[in-house]
Amino acid sequence: METTTAAPRLSRLFRLQWEQAQLAYVLLYPEGMVKLNGSAAEILKRCDGRSALPDIVAQLEQAFNASGLDADVQAFVADARQRGWLV
């Protein structure tokens, strides 16, 4: 299992982009597309391979004037890793 300080990044198999037709961010991959909700997109936009998970949580909490996001972000990142979206 990854440590909580690891700096997640998008797998090379996926590309995150805004899709005007969907009015949402999507993950594109050779076999298709995953439409993301707003929270997922905000987390994935920050998974650049340079920002550690605690930094990503801090960025999100500041950007959205929220607190206590750590557990939700950790759970999403774990799920995204299992799906192969993040490495």
PDB file of N, CA and C in Angstrom:
ATOM      1  N   MET A   1       0.849  -1.201   0.000  1.00  0.00           N
ATOM      2  CA  MET A   1       0.000   0.000   0.000  1.00  0.00           C
ATOM      3  C   MET A   1       0.879   1.244   0.000  1.00  0.00           C
ATOM      4  N   GLU A   2       0.422   2.274  -0.676  1.00  0.00           N
ATOM      5  CA  GLU A   2       1.170   3.522  -0.776  1.00  0.00           C
ATOM      6  C   GLU A   2       1.136   4.252   0.563  1.00  0.00           C
ATOM      7  N   THR A   3       2.186   4.993   0.815  1.00  0.00           N
ATOM      8  CA  THR A   3       2.196   5.801   2.030  1.00  0.00           C
ATOM      9  C   THR A   3       1.344   7.037   1.820  1.00  0.00           C
ATOM     10  N   THR A   4       0.922   7.650   2.900  1.00  0.00           N
ATOM     11  CA  THR A   4       0.066   8.825   2.796  1.00  0.00           C
ATOM     12  C   THR A   4       0.836  10.041   2.298  1.00  0.00           C
ATOM     13  N   THR A   5       2.162   9.955   2.244  1.00  0.00           N
ATOM     14  CA  THR A   5       2.936  11.101   1.769  1.00  0.00           C
ATOM     15  C   THR A   5       3.340  10.952   0.308  1.00  0.00           C
ATOM     16  N   ALA A   6       3.006   9.848  -0.330  1.00  0.00           N
ATOM     17  CA  ALA A   6       3.376   9.642  -1.728  1.00  0.00           C
ATOM     18  C   ALA A   6       2.775  10.747  -2.603  1.00  0.00           C
ATOM     19  N   ALA A   7       3.478  11.064  -3.677  1.00  0.00           N
ATOM     20  CA  ALA A   7       3.010  12.089  -4.616  1.00  0.00           C
ATOM     21  C   ALA A   7       2.369  11.396  -5.815  1.00  0.00           C
ATOM     22  N   PRO A   8       1.049  11.230  -5.791  1.00  0.00           N
ATOM     23  CA  PRO A   8       0.380  10.523  -6.877  1.00  0.00           C
ATOM     24  C   PRO A   8       0.425  11.314  -8.178  1.00  0.00           C
ATOM     25  N   ARG A   9       0.428  10.569  -9.282  1.00  0.00           N
ATOM     26  CA  ARG A   9       0.344  11.204 -10.603  1.00  0.00           C
ATOM     27  C   ARG A   9      -0.535  10.345 -11.489  1.00  0.00           C
ATOM     28  N   LEU A  10      -1.080  10.972 -12.503  1.00  0.00           N
ATOM     29  CA  LEU A  10      -1.940  10.290 -13.452  1.00  0.00           C
ATOM     30  C   LEU A  10      -1.136   9.253 -14.225  1.00  0.00           C
ATOM     31  N   SER A  11      -1.702   8.084 -14.391  1.00  0.00           N
ATOM     32  CA  SER A  11      -1.072   7.043 -15.196  1.00  0.00           C
ATOM     33  C   SER A  11      -0.890   7.549 -16.618  1.00  0.00           C
ATOM     34  N   ARG A  12       0.161   7.089 -17.279  1.00  0.00           N
ATOM     35  CA  ARG A  12       0.412   7.494 -18.669  1.00  0.00           C
ATOM     36  C   ARG A  12      -0.674   7.010 -19.631  1.00  0.00           C
ATOM     37  N   LEU A  13      -1.489   6.067 -19.190  1.00  0.00           N
ATOM     38  CA  LEU A  13      -2.566   5.544 -20.037  1.00  0.00           C
ATOM     39  C   LEU A  13      -3.771   6.471 -20.091  1.00  0.00           C
ATOM     40  N   PHE A  14      -3.805   7.465 -19.207  1.00  0.00           N
ATOM     41  CA  PHE A  14      -4.960   8.350 -19.104  1.00  0.00           C
ATOM     42  C   PHE A  14      -4.571   9.795 -19.344  1.00  0.00           C
ATOM     43  N   ARG A  15      -5.534  10.561 -19.862  1.00  0.00           N
ATOM     44  CA  ARG A  15      -5.340  12.003 -20.038  1.00  0.00           C
ATOM     45  C   ARG A  15      -6.552  12.707 -19.450  1.00  0.00           C
ATOM     46  N   LEU A  16      -6.306  13.660 -18.578  1.00  0.00           N
ATOM     47  CA  LEU A  16      -7.360  14.455 -17.956  1.00  0.00           C
ATOM     48  C   LEU A  16      -7.579  15.700 -18.795  1.00  0.00           C
ATOM     49  N   GLN A  17      -8.826  15.939 -19.192  1.00  0.00           N
ATOM     50  CA  GLN A  17      -9.105  17.164 -19.949  1.00  0.00           C
ATOM     51  C   GLN A  17     -10.562  17.570 -19.775  1.00  0.00           C
ATOM     52  N   TRP A  18     -10.800  18.871 -20.010  1.00  0.00           N
ATOM     53  CA  TRP A  18     -12.161  19.407 -20.003  1.00  0.00           C
ATOM     54  C   TRP A  18     -12.818  18.998 -21.309  1.00  0.00           C
ATOM     55  N   GLU A  19     -14.010  18.462 -21.227  1.00  0.00           N
ATOM     56  CA  GLU A  19     -14.758  18.049 -22.412  1.00  0.00           C
ATOM     57  C   GLU A  19     -16.006  18.907 -22.491  1.00  0.00           C
ATOM     58  N   GLN A  20     -15.990  19.859 -23.417  1.00  0.00           N
ATOM     59  CA  GLN A  20     -17.100  20.803 -23.536  1.00  0.00           C
ATOM     60  C   GLN A  20     -18.422  20.084 -23.788  1.00  0.00           C
ATOM     61  N   ALA A  21     -18.411  19.046 -24.605  1.00  0.00           N
ATOM     62  CA  ALA A  21     -19.646  18.319 -24.906  1.00  0.00           C
ATOM     63  C   ALA A  21     -20.251  17.686 -23.654  1.00  0.00           C
ATOM     64  N   GLN A  22     -19.413  17.304 -22.693  1.00  0.00           N
ATOM     65  CA  GLN A  22     -19.883  16.700 -21.447  1.00  0.00           C
ATOM     66  C   GLN A  22     -20.087  17.748 -20.346  1.00  0.00           C
ATOM     67  N   LEU A  23     -19.566  18.949 -20.578  1.00  0.00           N
ATOM     68  CA  LEU A  23     -19.551  20.006 -19.562  1.00  0.00           C
ATOM     69  C   LEU A  23     -18.934  19.487 -18.267  1.00  0.00           C
ATOM     70  N   ALA A  24     -17.839  18.741 -18.435  1.00  0.00           N
ATOM     71  CA  ALA A  24     -17.168  18.141 -17.280  1.00  0.00           C
ATOM     72  C   ALA A  24     -15.753  17.749 -17.664  1.00  0.00           C
ATOM     73  N   TYR A  25     -14.927  17.540 -16.637  1.00  0.00           N
ATOM     74  CA  TYR A  25     -13.625  16.936 -16.879  1.00  0.00           C
ATOM     75  C   TYR A  25     -13.822  15.456 -17.124  1.00  0.00           C
ATOM     76  N   VAL A  26     -12.982  14.914 -17.987  1.00  0.00           N
ATOM     77  CA  VAL A  26     -13.033  13.495 -18.297  1.00  0.00           C
ATOM     78  C   VAL A  26     -11.621  12.921 -18.262  1.00  0.00           C
ATOM     79  N   LEU A  27     -11.558  11.620 -18.062  1.00  0.00           N
ATOM     80  CA  LEU A  27     -10.312  10.875 -18.215  1.00  0.00           C
ATOM     81  C   LEU A  27     -10.432  10.115 -19.526  1.00  0.00           C
ATOM     82  N   LEU A  28      -9.547  10.414 -20.439  1.00  0.00           N
ATOM     83  CA  LEU A  28      -9.533   9.712 -21.714  1.00  0.00           C
ATOM     84  C   LEU A  28      -8.506   8.603 -21.656  1.00  0.00           C
ATOM     85  N   TYR A  29      -8.845   7.467 -22.249  1.00  0.00           N
ATOM     86  CA  TYR A  29      -7.919   6.336 -22.346  1.00  0.00           C
ATOM     87  C   TYR A  29      -8.234   5.609 -23.645  1.00  0.00           C
ATOM     88  N   PRO A  30      -7.349   4.735 -24.111  1.00  0.00           N
ATOM     89  CA  PRO A  30      -7.524   4.143 -25.436  1.00  0.00           C
ATOM     90  C   PRO A  30      -8.879   3.480 -25.670  1.00  0.00           C
ATOM     91  N   GLU A  31      -9.469   2.883 -24.637  1.00  0.00           N
ATOM     92  CA  GLU A  31     -10.733   2.178 -24.823  1.00  0.00           C
ATOM     93  C   GLU A  31     -11.966   3.039 -24.568  1.00  0.00           C
ATOM     94  N   GLY A  32     -11.784   4.277 -24.135  1.00  0.00           N
ATOM     95  CA  GLY A  32     -12.960   5.080 -23.863  1.00  0.00           C
ATOM     96  C   GLY A  32     -12.701   6.313 -23.043  1.00  0.00           C
ATOM     97  N   MET A  33     -13.709   6.641 -22.219  1.00  0.00           N
ATOM     98  CA  MET A  33     -13.690   7.886 -21.467  1.00  0.00           C
ATOM     99  C   MET A  33     -14.441   7.680 -20.161  1.00  0.00           C
ATOM    100  N   VAL A  34     -13.961   8.340 -19.109  1.00  0.00           N
ATOM    101  CA  VAL A  34     -14.642   8.350 -17.815  1.00  0.00           C
ATOM    102  C   VAL A  34     -15.016   9.798 -17.520  1.00  0.00           C
ATOM    103  N   LYS A  35     -16.311  10.059 -17.367  1.00  0.00           N
ATOM    104  CA  LYS A  35     -16.762  11.401 -16.987  1.00  0.00           C
ATOM    105  C   LYS A  35     -16.610  11.538 -15.476  1.00  0.00           C
ATOM    106  N   LEU A  36     -15.958  12.611 -15.049  1.00  0.00           N
ATOM    107  CA  LEU A  36     -15.665  12.816 -13.633  1.00  0.00           C
ATOM    108  C   LEU A  36     -16.626  13.808 -13.003  1.00  0.00           C
ATOM    109  N   ASN A  37     -16.920  13.598 -11.732  1.00  0.00           N
ATOM    110  CA  ASN A  37     -17.669  14.634 -11.020  1.00  0.00           C
ATOM    111  C   ASN A  37     -16.677  15.724 -10.616  1.00  0.00           C
ATOM    112  N   GLY A  38     -17.178  16.820 -10.120  1.00  0.00           N
ATOM    113  CA  GLY A  38     -16.331  17.957  -9.798  1.00  0.00           C
ATOM    114  C   GLY A  38     -15.253  17.658  -8.775  1.00  0.00           C
ATOM    115  N   SER A  39     -15.595  16.915  -7.732  1.00  0.00           N
ATOM    116  CA  SER A  39     -14.620  16.589  -6.688  1.00  0.00           C
ATOM    117  C   SER A  39     -13.487  15.737  -7.237  1.00  0.00           C
ATOM    118  N   ALA A  40     -13.839  14.723  -8.006  1.00  0.00           N
ATOM    119  CA  ALA A  40     -12.816  13.849  -8.587  1.00  0.00           C
ATOM    120  C   ALA A  40     -11.878  14.643  -9.486  1.00  0.00           C
ATOM    121  N   ALA A  41     -12.435  15.526 -10.290  1.00  0.00           N
ATOM    122  CA  ALA A  41     -11.607  16.331 -11.196  1.00  0.00           C
ATOM    123  C   ALA A  41     -10.658  17.227 -10.411  1.00  0.00           C
ATOM    124  N   GLU A  42     -11.152  17.859  -9.344  1.00  0.00           N
ATOM    125  CA  GLU A  42     -10.303  18.753  -8.549  1.00  0.00           C
ATOM    126  C   GLU A  42      -9.151  17.988  -7.912  1.00  0.00           C
ATOM    127  N   ILE A  43      -9.410  16.776  -7.449  1.00  0.00           N
ATOM    128  CA  ILE A  43      -8.334  15.975  -6.860  1.00  0.00           C
ATOM    129  C   ILE A  43      -7.341  15.573  -7.941  1.00  0.00           C
ATOM    130  N   LEU A  44      -7.843  15.037  -9.057  1.00  0.00           N
ATOM    131  CA  LEU A  44      -6.946  14.550 -10.106  1.00  0.00           C
ATOM    132  C   LEU A  44      -6.117  15.675 -10.724  1.00  0.00           C
ATOM    133  N   LYS A  45      -6.671  16.878 -10.816  1.00  0.00           N
ATOM    134  CA  LYS A  45      -5.903  18.005 -11.360  1.00  0.00           C
ATOM    135  C   LYS A  45      -4.659  18.285 -10.524  1.00  0.00           C
ATOM    136  N   ARG A  46      -4.705  17.936  -9.251  1.00  0.00           N
ATOM    137  CA  ARG A  46      -3.592  18.214  -8.346  1.00  0.00           C
ATOM    138  C   ARG A  46      -2.617  17.036  -8.220  1.00  0.00           C
ATOM    139  N   CYS A  47      -2.946  15.917  -8.826  1.00  0.00           N
ATOM    140  CA  CYS A  47      -2.080  14.733  -8.778  1.00  0.00           C
ATOM    141  C   CYS A  47      -1.053  14.828  -9.907  1.00  0.00           C
ATOM    142  N   ASP A  48      -0.004  15.594  -9.653  1.00  0.00           N
ATOM    143  CA  ASP A  48       0.988  15.925 -10.676  1.00  0.00           C
ATOM    144  C   ASP A  48       2.312  15.193 -10.493  1.00  0.00           C
ATOM    145  N   GLY A  49       2.391  14.309  -9.489  1.00  0.00           N
ATOM    146  CA  GLY A  49       3.633  13.595  -9.227  1.00  0.00           C
ATOM    147  C   GLY A  49       4.631  14.394  -8.410  1.00  0.00           C
ATOM    148  N   ARG A  50       4.312  15.649  -8.120  1.00  0.00           N
ATOM    149  CA  ARG A  50       5.188  16.502  -7.324  1.00  0.00           C
ATOM    150  C   ARG A  50       4.576  16.823  -5.963  1.00  0.00           C
ATOM    151  N   SER A  51       3.261  16.879  -5.914  1.00  0.00           N
ATOM    152  CA  SER A  51       2.565  17.224  -4.668  1.00  0.00           C
ATOM    153  C   SER A  51       2.249  15.970  -3.874  1.00  0.00           C
ATOM    154  N   ALA A  52       2.704  15.957  -2.626  1.00  0.00           N
ATOM    155  CA  ALA A  52       2.384  14.845  -1.728  1.00  0.00           C
ATOM    156  C   ALA A  52       0.912  14.925  -1.335  1.00  0.00           C
ATOM    157  N   LEU A  53       0.362  13.811  -0.936  1.00  0.00           N
ATOM    158  CA  LEU A  53      -1.059  13.751  -0.593  1.00  0.00           C
ATOM    159  C   LEU A  53      -1.469  14.774   0.469  1.00  0.00           C
ATOM    160  N   PRO A  54      -0.699  14.971   1.540  1.00  0.00           N
ATOM    161  CA  PRO A  54      -1.089  16.007   2.516  1.00  0.00           C
ATOM    162  C   PRO A  54      -1.130  17.409   1.882  1.00  0.00           C
ATOM    163  N   ASP A  55      -0.240  17.665   0.928  1.00  0.00           N
ATOM    164  CA  ASP A  55      -0.247  18.964   0.246  1.00  0.00           C
ATOM    165  C   ASP A  55      -1.490  19.119  -0.624  1.00  0.00           C
ATOM    166  N   ILE A  56      -1.883  18.033  -1.287  1.00  0.00           N
ATOM    167  CA  ILE A  56      -3.087  18.064  -2.112  1.00  0.00           C
ATOM    168  C   ILE A  56      -4.307  18.353  -1.251  1.00  0.00           C
ATOM    169  N   VAL A  57      -4.386  17.690  -0.106  1.00  0.00           N
ATOM    170  CA  VAL A  57      -5.501  17.932   0.824  1.00  0.00           C
ATOM    171  C   VAL A  57      -5.501  19.393   1.260  1.00  0.00           C
ATOM    172  N   ALA A  58      -4.337  19.920   1.616  1.00  0.00           N
ATOM    173  CA  ALA A  58      -4.247  21.318   2.046  1.00  0.00           C
ATOM    174  C   ALA A  58      -4.672  22.271   0.925  1.00  0.00           C
ATOM    175  N   GLN A  59      -4.256  21.987  -0.316  1.00  0.00           N
ATOM    176  CA  GLN A  59      -4.650  22.815  -1.454  1.00  0.00           C
ATOM    177  C   GLN A  59      -6.167  22.814  -1.628  1.00  0.00           C
ATOM    178  N   LEU A  60      -6.773  21.642  -1.526  1.00  0.00           N
ATOM    179  CA  LEU A  60      -8.226  21.532  -1.684  1.00  0.00           C
ATOM    180  C   LEU A  60      -8.963  22.241  -0.561  1.00  0.00           C
ATOM    181  N   GLU A  61      -8.482  22.062   0.666  1.00  0.00           N
ATOM    182  CA  GLU A  61      -9.139  22.719   1.800  1.00  0.00           C
ATOM    183  C   GLU A  61      -9.057  24.231   1.676  1.00  0.00           C
ATOM    184  N   GLN A  62      -7.924  24.733   1.181  1.00  0.00           N
ATOM    185  CA  GLN A  62      -7.796  26.176   0.994  1.00  0.00           C
ATOM    186  C   GLN A  62      -8.663  26.656  -0.167  1.00  0.00           C
ATOM    187  N   ALA A  63      -8.626  25.939  -1.284  1.00  0.00           N
ATOM    188  CA  ALA A  63      -9.376  26.360  -2.470  1.00  0.00           C
ATOM    189  C   ALA A  63     -10.881  26.392  -2.224  1.00  0.00           C
ATOM    190  N   PHE A  64     -11.367  25.485  -1.399  1.00  0.00           N
ATOM    191  CA  PHE A  64     -12.808  25.376  -1.191  1.00  0.00           C
ATOM    192  C   PHE A  64     -13.241  25.770   0.213  1.00  0.00           C
ATOM    193  N   ASN A  65     -12.332  26.427   0.949  1.00  0.00           N
ATOM    194  CA  ASN A  65     -12.641  26.907   2.293  1.00  0.00           C
ATOM    195  C   ASN A  65     -13.323  25.815   3.113  1.00  0.00           C
ATOM    196  N   ALA A  66     -12.667  24.656   3.128  1.00  0.00           N
ATOM    197  CA  ALA A  66     -13.216  23.488   3.812  1.00  0.00           C
ATOM    198  C   ALA A  66     -12.162  22.916   4.749  1.00  0.00           C
ATOM    199  N   SER A  67     -12.592  22.028   5.619  1.00  0.00           N
ATOM    200  CA  SER A  67     -11.653  21.318   6.480  1.00  0.00           C
ATOM    201  C   SER A  67     -12.123  19.881   6.610  1.00  0.00           C
ATOM    202  N   GLY A  68     -11.224  19.023   7.065  1.00  0.00           N
ATOM    203  CA  GLY A  68     -11.589  17.630   7.272  1.00  0.00           C
ATOM    204  C   GLY A  68     -11.733  16.814   6.003  1.00  0.00           C
ATOM    205  N   LEU A  69     -11.032  17.210   4.929  1.00  0.00           N
ATOM    206  CA  LEU A  69     -11.152  16.493   3.658  1.00  0.00           C
ATOM    207  C   LEU A  69     -10.203  15.301   3.543  1.00  0.00           C
ATOM    208  N   ASP A  70      -9.298  15.154   4.500  1.00  0.00           N
ATOM    209  CA  ASP A  70      -8.246  14.153   4.389  1.00  0.00           C
ATOM    210  C   ASP A  70      -8.779  12.744   4.105  1.00  0.00           C
ATOM    211  N   ALA A  71      -9.730  12.273   4.887  1.00  0.00           N
ATOM    212  CA  ALA A  71     -10.232  10.902   4.727  1.00  0.00           C
ATOM    213  C   ALA A  71     -10.868  10.693   3.361  1.00  0.00           C
ATOM    214  N   ASP A  72     -11.649  11.669   2.902  1.00  0.00           N
ATOM    215  CA  ASP A  72     -12.307  11.541   1.594  1.00  0.00           C
ATOM    216  C   ASP A  72     -11.292  11.545   0.453  1.00  0.00           C
ATOM    217  N   VAL A  73     -10.301  12.427   0.532  1.00  0.00           N
ATOM    218  CA  VAL A  73      -9.277  12.490  -0.515  1.00  0.00           C
ATOM    219  C   VAL A  73      -8.454  11.206  -0.512  1.00  0.00           C
ATOM    220  N   GLN A  74      -8.086  10.732   0.665  1.00  0.00           N
ATOM    221  CA  GLN A  74      -7.317   9.488   0.764  1.00  0.00           C
ATOM    222  C   GLN A  74      -8.107   8.328   0.149  1.00  0.00           C
ATOM    223  N   ALA A  75      -9.400   8.248   0.450  1.00  0.00           N
ATOM    224  CA  ALA A  75     -10.234   7.169  -0.076  1.00  0.00           C
ATOM    225  C   ALA A  75     -10.335   7.258  -1.594  1.00  0.00           C
ATOM    226  N   PHE A  76     -10.519   8.473  -2.124  1.00  0.00           N
ATOM    227  CA  PHE A  76     -10.603   8.627  -3.575  1.00  0.00           C
ATOM    228  C   PHE A  76      -9.292   8.230  -4.247  1.00  0.00           C
ATOM    229  N   VAL A  77      -8.167   8.683  -3.703  1.00  0.00           N
ATOM    230  CA  VAL A  77      -6.866   8.371  -4.293  1.00  0.00           C
ATOM    231  C   VAL A  77      -6.618   6.860  -4.254  1.00  0.00           C
ATOM    232  N   ALA A  78      -6.986   6.215  -3.171  1.00  0.00           N
ATOM    233  CA  ALA A  78      -6.825   4.755  -3.088  1.00  0.00           C
ATOM    234  C   ALA A  78      -7.660   4.071  -4.166  1.00  0.00           C
ATOM    235  N   ASP A  79      -8.893   4.529  -4.344  1.00  0.00           N
ATOM    236  CA  ASP A  79      -9.769   3.949  -5.371  1.00  0.00           C
ATOM    237  C   ASP A  79      -9.225   4.219  -6.768  1.00  0.00           C
ATOM    238  N   ALA A  80      -8.747   5.439  -6.997  1.00  0.00           N
ATOM    239  CA  ALA A  80      -8.194   5.792  -8.303  1.00  0.00           C
ATOM    240  C   ALA A  80      -6.947   4.962  -8.612  1.00  0.00           C
ATOM    241  N   ARG A  81      -6.165   4.663  -7.589  1.00  0.00           N
ATOM    242  CA  ARG A  81      -4.994   3.792  -7.787  1.00  0.00           C
ATOM    243  C   ARG A  81      -5.441   2.387  -8.172  1.00  0.00           C
ATOM    244  N   GLN A  82      -6.464   1.871  -7.500  1.00  0.00           N
ATOM    245  CA  GLN A  82      -6.971   0.539  -7.810  1.00  0.00           C
ATOM    246  C   GLN A  82      -7.507   0.471  -9.235  1.00  0.00           C
ATOM    247  N   ARG A  83      -8.109   1.550  -9.703  1.00  0.00           N
ATOM    248  CA  ARG A  83      -8.655   1.594 -11.058  1.00  0.00           C
ATOM    249  C   ARG A  83      -7.540   1.800 -12.114  1.00  0.00           C
ATOM    250  N   GLY A  84      -6.324   2.090 -11.640  1.00  0.00           N
ATOM    251  CA  GLY A  84      -5.223   2.312 -12.555  1.00  0.00           C
ATOM    252  C   GLY A  84      -5.101   3.740 -13.056  1.00  0.00           C
ATOM    253  N   TRP A  85      -5.924   4.644 -12.512  1.00  0.00           N
ATOM    254  CA  TRP A  85      -5.863   6.039 -12.944  1.00  0.00           C
ATOM    255  C   TRP A  85      -4.613   6.726 -12.422  1.00  0.00           C
ATOM    256  N   LEU A  86      -4.229   6.386 -11.207  1.00  0.00           N
ATOM    257  CA  LEU A  86      -3.075   7.025 -10.558  1.00  0.00           C
ATOM    258  C   LEU A  86      -1.987   5.988 -10.271  1.00  0.00           C
ATOM    259  N   VAL A  87      -0.762   6.476 -10.307  1.00  0.00           N
ATOM    260  CA  VAL A  87       0.390   5.652  -9.906  1.00  0.00           C
ATOM    261  C   VAL A  87       1.162   6.393  -8.847  1.00  0.00           C
TER     262      VAL A  87
END
